[in-house]
Amino acid sequence: MPKMKTNSGAKKRYTLTGSGKIKRKHAYKSHILTKKSKKRKRNLTYFGAVHKADESNAKLLLAMK
């Protein structure tokens, strides 16, 4: 059976932590930033973890399953 290919879009968007969780960036931080508050933009800067419900899909895209 051939090797599973990693989805190149997912490869650019997700990173793995040491404990095996998947990190992601927040959306809504690329344009139309003038109407968003400083606090909102600052909080969108930080990384978040992929939700448990979406973790299996993300792992499939990263060829980890």
PDB file of N, CA and C in Angstrom:
ATOM      1  N   MET A   1       0.837  -1.180   0.000  1.00  0.00           N
ATOM      2  CA  MET A   1       0.000   0.000   0.000  1.00  0.00           C
ATOM      3  C   MET A   1       0.890   1.254   0.000  1.00  0.00           C
ATOM      4  N   PRO A   2       0.547   2.262  -0.813  1.00  0.00           N
ATOM      5  CA  PRO A   2       1.391   3.464  -0.879  1.00  0.00           C
ATOM      6  C   PRO A   2       1.276   4.306   0.394  1.00  0.00           C
ATOM      7  N   LYS A   3       2.248   5.186   0.567  1.00  0.00           N
ATOM      8  CA  LYS A   3       2.246   6.078   1.725  1.00  0.00           C
ATOM      9  C   LYS A   3       1.098   7.078   1.605  1.00  0.00           C
ATOM     10  N   MET A   4       0.603   7.526   2.745  1.00  0.00           N
ATOM     11  CA  MET A   4      -0.432   8.560   2.775  1.00  0.00           C
ATOM     12  C   MET A   4       0.228   9.911   2.514  1.00  0.00           C
ATOM     13  N   LYS A   5      -0.383  10.709   1.658  1.00  0.00           N
ATOM     14  CA  LYS A   5       0.148  12.045   1.404  1.00  0.00           C
ATOM     15  C   LYS A   5      -0.461  13.026   2.395  1.00  0.00           C
ATOM     16  N   THR A   6       0.355  13.931   2.903  1.00  0.00           N
ATOM     17  CA  THR A   6      -0.111  14.992   3.781  1.00  0.00           C
ATOM     18  C   THR A   6      -0.784  16.056   2.936  1.00  0.00           C
ATOM     19  N   ASN A   7      -1.918  16.567   3.394  1.00  0.00           N
ATOM     20  CA  ASN A   7      -2.601  17.650   2.710  1.00  0.00           C
ATOM     21  C   ASN A   7      -1.758  18.915   2.848  1.00  0.00           C
ATOM     22  N   SER A   8      -1.359  19.508   1.724  1.00  0.00           N
ATOM     23  CA  SER A   8      -0.402  20.615   1.779  1.00  0.00           C
ATOM     24  C   SER A   8      -1.001  21.868   2.405  1.00  0.00           C
ATOM     25  N   GLY A   9      -2.329  22.038   2.327  1.00  0.00           N
ATOM     26  CA  GLY A   9      -2.968  23.170   2.983  1.00  0.00           C
ATOM     27  C   GLY A   9      -2.925  23.023   4.495  1.00  0.00           C
ATOM     28  N   ALA A  10      -3.170  21.802   4.966  1.00  0.00           N
ATOM     29  CA  ALA A  10      -3.161  21.527   6.404  1.00  0.00           C
ATOM     30  C   ALA A  10      -1.744  21.615   6.961  1.00  0.00           C
ATOM     31  N   LYS A  11      -0.789  21.195   6.164  1.00  0.00           N
ATOM     32  CA  LYS A  11       0.616  21.223   6.580  1.00  0.00           C
ATOM     33  C   LYS A  11       1.070  22.653   6.886  1.00  0.00           C
ATOM     34  N   LYS A  12       0.510  23.633   6.158  1.00  0.00           N
ATOM     35  CA  LYS A  12       0.875  25.032   6.360  1.00  0.00           C
ATOM     36  C   LYS A  12       0.124  25.655   7.535  1.00  0.00           C
ATOM     37  N   ARG A  13      -1.019  25.089   7.907  1.00  0.00           N
ATOM     38  CA  ARG A  13      -1.882  25.713   8.911  1.00  0.00           C
ATOM     39  C   ARG A  13      -1.744  25.141  10.312  1.00  0.00           C
ATOM     40  N   TYR A  14      -1.343  23.891  10.425  1.00  0.00           N
ATOM     41  CA  TYR A  14      -1.286  23.235  11.737  1.00  0.00           C
ATOM     42  C   TYR A  14       0.145  22.923  12.132  1.00  0.00           C
ATOM     43  N   THR A  15       0.402  22.956  13.449  1.00  0.00           N
ATOM     44  CA  THR A  15       1.679  22.477  13.980  1.00  0.00           C
ATOM     45  C   THR A  15       1.387  21.568  15.159  1.00  0.00           C
ATOM     46  N   LEU A  16       2.271  20.637  15.414  1.00  0.00           N
ATOM     47  CA  LEU A  16       2.099  19.698  16.509  1.00  0.00           C
ATOM     48  C   LEU A  16       2.827  20.181  17.753  1.00  0.00           C
ATOM     49  N   THR A  17       2.226  19.941  18.911  1.00  0.00           N
ATOM     50  CA  THR A  17       2.901  20.234  20.171  1.00  0.00           C
ATOM     51  C   THR A  17       3.644  18.974  20.614  1.00  0.00           C
ATOM     52  N   GLY A  18       4.424  19.112  21.643  1.00  0.00           N
ATOM     53  CA  GLY A  18       5.177  17.981  22.153  1.00  0.00           C
ATOM     54  C   GLY A  18       4.294  16.883  22.707  1.00  0.00           C
ATOM     55  N   SER A  19       3.135  17.269  23.242  1.00  0.00           N
ATOM     56  CA  SER A  19       2.230  16.279  23.828  1.00  0.00           C
ATOM     57  C   SER A  19       1.307  15.647  22.791  1.00  0.00           C
ATOM     58  N   GLY A  20       1.424  16.078  21.522  1.00  0.00           N
ATOM     59  CA  GLY A  20       0.631  15.469  20.461  1.00  0.00           C
ATOM     60  C   GLY A  20      -0.632  16.226  20.104  1.00  0.00           C
ATOM     61  N   LYS A  21      -0.863  17.378  20.746  1.00  0.00           N
ATOM     62  CA  LYS A  21      -2.015  18.198  20.380  1.00  0.00           C
ATOM     63  C   LYS A  21      -1.694  18.968  19.106  1.00  0.00           C
ATOM     64  N   ILE A  22      -2.726  19.477  18.448  1.00  0.00           N
ATOM     65  CA  ILE A  22      -2.540  20.209  17.200  1.00  0.00           C
ATOM     66  C   ILE A  22      -2.838  21.684  17.446  1.00  0.00           C
ATOM     67  N   LYS A  23      -1.857  22.544  17.127  1.00  0.00           N
ATOM     68  CA  LYS A  23      -2.008  23.987  17.295  1.00  0.00           C
ATOM     69  C   LYS A  23      -2.502  24.599  15.995  1.00  0.00           C
ATOM     70  N   ARG A  24      -3.274  25.681  16.131  1.00  0.00           N
ATOM     71  CA  ARG A  24      -3.775  26.399  14.961  1.00  0.00           C
ATOM     72  C   ARG A  24      -3.779  27.888  15.245  1.00  0.00           C
ATOM     73  N   LYS A  25      -3.818  28.683  14.182  1.00  0.00           N
ATOM     74  CA  LYS A  25      -3.928  30.129  14.336  1.00  0.00           C
ATOM     75  C   LYS A  25      -5.405  30.514  14.287  1.00  0.00           C
ATOM     76  N   HIS A  26      -5.726  31.669  14.856  1.00  0.00           N
ATOM     77  CA  HIS A  26      -7.094  32.158  14.825  1.00  0.00           C
ATOM     78  C   HIS A  26      -7.407  32.797  13.477  1.00  0.00           C
ATOM     79  N   ALA A  27      -8.669  32.759  13.099  1.00  0.00           N
ATOM     80  CA  ALA A  27      -9.138  33.408  11.887  1.00  0.00           C
ATOM     81  C   ALA A  27      -9.444  34.878  12.180  1.00  0.00           C
ATOM     82  N   TYR A  28      -9.817  35.628  11.160  1.00  0.00           N
ATOM     83  CA  TYR A  28     -10.253  37.033  11.266  1.00  0.00           C
ATOM     84  C   TYR A  28      -9.140  37.978  11.688  1.00  0.00           C
ATOM     85  N   LYS A  29      -7.910  37.716  11.278  1.00  0.00           N
ATOM     86  CA  LYS A  29      -6.800  38.609  11.642  1.00  0.00           C
ATOM     87  C   LYS A  29      -6.058  39.098  10.390  1.00  0.00           C
ATOM     88  N   SER A  30      -6.679  38.990   9.209  1.00  0.00           N
ATOM     89  CA  SER A  30      -5.929  39.335   8.004  1.00  0.00           C
ATOM     90  C   SER A  30      -6.316  40.685   7.387  1.00  0.00           C
ATOM     91  N   HIS A  31      -7.589  41.059   7.459  1.00  0.00           N
ATOM     92  CA  HIS A  31      -7.985  42.347   6.875  1.00  0.00           C
ATOM     93  C   HIS A  31      -9.221  42.870   7.596  1.00  0.00           C
ATOM     94  N   ILE A  32      -9.635  44.104   7.248  1.00  0.00           N
ATOM     95  CA  ILE A  32     -10.721  44.826   7.927  1.00  0.00           C
ATOM     96  C   ILE A  32     -10.427  44.879   9.435  1.00  0.00           C
ATOM     97  N   LEU A  33      -9.242  45.366   9.763  1.00  0.00           N
ATOM     98  CA  LEU A  33      -8.811  45.381  11.162  1.00  0.00           C
ATOM     99  C   LEU A  33      -9.150  46.689  11.861  1.00  0.00           C
ATOM    100  N   THR A  34      -9.568  47.722  11.101  1.00  0.00           N
ATOM    101  CA  THR A  34      -9.801  49.033  11.711  1.00  0.00           C
ATOM    102  C   THR A  34     -11.009  49.017  12.636  1.00  0.00           C
ATOM    103  N   LYS A  35     -12.016  48.228  12.324  1.00  0.00           N
ATOM    104  CA  LYS A  35     -13.215  48.206  13.161  1.00  0.00           C
ATOM    105  C   LYS A  35     -13.102  47.260  14.350  1.00  0.00           C
ATOM    106  N   LYS A  36     -12.040  46.468  14.393  1.00  0.00           N
ATOM    107  CA  LYS A  36     -11.859  45.526  15.507  1.00  0.00           C
ATOM    108  C   LYS A  36     -11.061  46.207  16.617  1.00  0.00           C
ATOM    109  N   SER A  37     -11.424  45.922  17.850  1.00  0.00           N
ATOM    110  CA  SER A  37     -10.751  46.557  18.988  1.00  0.00           C
ATOM    111  C   SER A  37      -9.336  45.998  19.156  1.00  0.00           C
ATOM    112  N   LYS A  38      -8.515  46.765  19.864  1.00  0.00           N
ATOM    113  CA  LYS A  38      -7.138  46.328  20.124  1.00  0.00           C
ATOM    114  C   LYS A  38      -7.130  45.006  20.872  1.00  0.00           C
ATOM    115  N   LYS A  39      -8.012  44.887  21.846  1.00  0.00           N
ATOM    116  CA  LYS A  39      -8.080  43.673  22.669  1.00  0.00           C
ATOM    117  C   LYS A  39      -8.422  42.456  21.803  1.00  0.00           C
ATOM    118  N   ARG A  40      -9.383  42.636  20.901  1.00  0.00           N
ATOM    119  CA  ARG A  40      -9.806  41.532  20.032  1.00  0.00           C
ATOM    120  C   ARG A  40      -8.686  41.102  19.106  1.00  0.00           C
ATOM    121  N   LYS A  41      -7.998  42.078  18.512  1.00  0.00           N
ATOM    122  CA  LYS A  41      -6.877  41.764  17.606  1.00  0.00           C
ATOM    123  C   LYS A  41      -5.731  41.104  18.354  1.00  0.00           C
ATOM    124  N   ARG A  42      -5.458  41.579  19.561  1.00  0.00           N
ATOM    125  CA  ARG A  42      -4.381  41.002  20.363  1.00  0.00           C
ATOM    126  C   ARG A  42      -4.687  39.550  20.716  1.00  0.00           C
ATOM    127  N   ASN A  43      -5.938  39.272  21.086  1.00  0.00           N
ATOM    128  CA  ASN A  43      -6.312  37.912  21.457  1.00  0.00           C
ATOM    129  C   ASN A  43      -6.340  36.969  20.260  1.00  0.00           C
ATOM    130  N   LEU A  44      -6.514  37.502  19.065  1.00  0.00           N
ATOM    131  CA  LEU A  44      -6.475  36.668  17.851  1.00  0.00           C
ATOM    132  C   LEU A  44      -5.045  36.312  17.454  1.00  0.00           C
ATOM    133  N   THR A  45      -4.066  37.002  18.050  1.00  0.00           N
ATOM    134  CA  THR A  45      -2.664  36.767  17.720  1.00  0.00           C
ATOM    135  C   THR A  45      -2.191  35.410  18.219  1.00  0.00           C
ATOM    136  N   TYR A  46      -2.683  35.006  19.401  1.00  0.00           N
ATOM    137  CA  TYR A  46      -2.175  33.799  20.042  1.00  0.00           C
ATOM    138  C   TYR A  46      -2.681  32.537  19.358  1.00  0.00           C
ATOM    139  N   PHE A  47      -1.923  31.448  19.515  1.00  0.00           N
ATOM    140  CA  PHE A  47      -2.314  30.161  18.963  1.00  0.00           C
ATOM    141  C   PHE A  47      -3.388  29.525  19.839  1.00  0.00           C
ATOM    142  N   GLY A  48      -4.214  28.703  19.218  1.00  0.00           N
ATOM    143  CA  GLY A  48      -5.218  27.933  19.941  1.00  0.00           C
ATOM    144  C   GLY A  48      -5.031  26.475  19.617  1.00  0.00           C
ATOM    145  N   ALA A  49      -5.714  25.631  20.363  1.00  0.00           N
ATOM    146  CA  ALA A  49      -5.650  24.192  20.089  1.00  0.00           C
ATOM    147  C   ALA A  49      -6.856  23.812  19.243  1.00  0.00           C
ATOM    148  N   VAL A  50      -6.685  22.814  18.402  1.00  0.00           N
ATOM    149  CA  VAL A  50      -7.797  22.317  17.599  1.00  0.00           C
ATOM    150  C   VAL A  50      -8.779  21.614  18.543  1.00  0.00           C
ATOM    151  N   HIS A  51     -10.063  21.867  18.365  1.00  0.00           N
ATOM    152  CA  HIS A  51     -11.097  21.292  19.222  1.00  0.00           C
ATOM    153  C   HIS A  51     -11.125  19.773  19.071  1.00  0.00           C
ATOM    154  N   LYS A  52     -11.500  19.097  20.160  1.00  0.00           N
ATOM    155  CA  LYS A  52     -11.516  17.625  20.167  1.00  0.00           C
ATOM    156  C   LYS A  52     -12.370  17.053  19.044  1.00  0.00           C
ATOM    157  N   ALA A  53     -13.488  17.725  18.725  1.00  0.00           N
ATOM    158  CA  ALA A  53     -14.395  17.244  17.683  1.00  0.00           C
ATOM    159  C   ALA A  53     -13.741  17.288  16.308  1.00  0.00           C
ATOM    160  N   ASP A  54     -12.811  18.219  16.102  1.00  0.00           N
ATOM    161  CA  ASP A  54     -12.159  18.383  14.799  1.00  0.00           C
ATOM    162  C   ASP A  54     -10.796  17.710  14.735  1.00  0.00           C
ATOM    163  N   GLU A  55     -10.335  17.194  15.862  1.00  0.00           N
ATOM    164  CA  GLU A  55      -8.973  16.651  15.931  1.00  0.00           C
ATOM    165  C   GLU A  55      -8.769  15.466  14.986  1.00  0.00           C
ATOM    166  N   SER A  56      -9.771  14.583  14.881  1.00  0.00           N
ATOM    167  CA  SER A  56      -9.610  13.398  14.031  1.00  0.00           C
ATOM    168  C   SER A  56      -9.511  13.796  12.559  1.00  0.00           C
ATOM    169  N   ASN A  57     -10.284  14.813  12.139  1.00  0.00           N
ATOM    170  CA  ASN A  57     -10.205  15.297  10.753  1.00  0.00           C
ATOM    171  C   ASN A  57      -8.837  15.912  10.469  1.00  0.00           C
ATOM    172  N   ALA A  58      -8.337  16.688  11.414  1.00  0.00           N
ATOM    173  CA  ALA A  58      -7.036  17.331  11.240  1.00  0.00           C
ATOM    174  C   ALA A  58      -5.925  16.274  11.156  1.00  0.00           C
ATOM    175  N   LYS A  59      -6.034  15.225  11.963  1.00  0.00           N
ATOM    176  CA  LYS A  59      -5.032  14.160  11.933  1.00  0.00           C
ATOM    177  C   LYS A  59      -5.055  13.392  10.617  1.00  0.00           C
ATOM    178  N   LEU A  60      -6.263  13.231  10.046  1.00  0.00           N
ATOM    179  CA  LEU A  60      -6.369  12.584   8.729  1.00  0.00           C
ATOM    180  C   LEU A  60      -5.671  13.428   7.662  1.00  0.00           C
ATOM    181  N   LEU A  61      -5.885  14.739   7.723  1.00  0.00           N
ATOM    182  CA  LEU A  61      -5.265  15.641   6.741  1.00  0.00           C
ATOM    183  C   LEU A  61      -3.746  15.656   6.879  1.00  0.00           C
ATOM    184  N   LEU A  62      -3.259  15.489   8.111  1.00  0.00           N
ATOM    185  CA  LEU A  62      -1.817  15.489   8.348  1.00  0.00           C
ATOM    186  C   LEU A  62      -1.214  14.092   8.207  1.00  0.00           C
ATOM    187  N   ALA A  63      -2.017  13.133   7.763  1.00  0.00           N
ATOM    188  CA  ALA A  63      -1.590  11.739   7.554  1.00  0.00           C
ATOM    189  C   ALA A  63      -1.027  11.127   8.829  1.00  0.00           C
ATOM    190  N   MET A  64      -1.679  11.405   9.941  1.00  0.00           N
ATOM    191  CA  MET A  64      -1.241  10.857  11.234  1.00  0.00           C
ATOM    192  C   MET A  64      -2.110   9.676  11.645  1.00  0.00           C
ATOM    193  N   LYS A  65      -3.159   9.376  10.887  1.00  0.00           N
ATOM    194  CA  LYS A  65      -4.061   8.277  11.231  1.00  0.00           C
ATOM    195  C   LYS A  65      -4.038   7.208  10.188  1.00  0.00           C
TER     196      LYS A  65
END
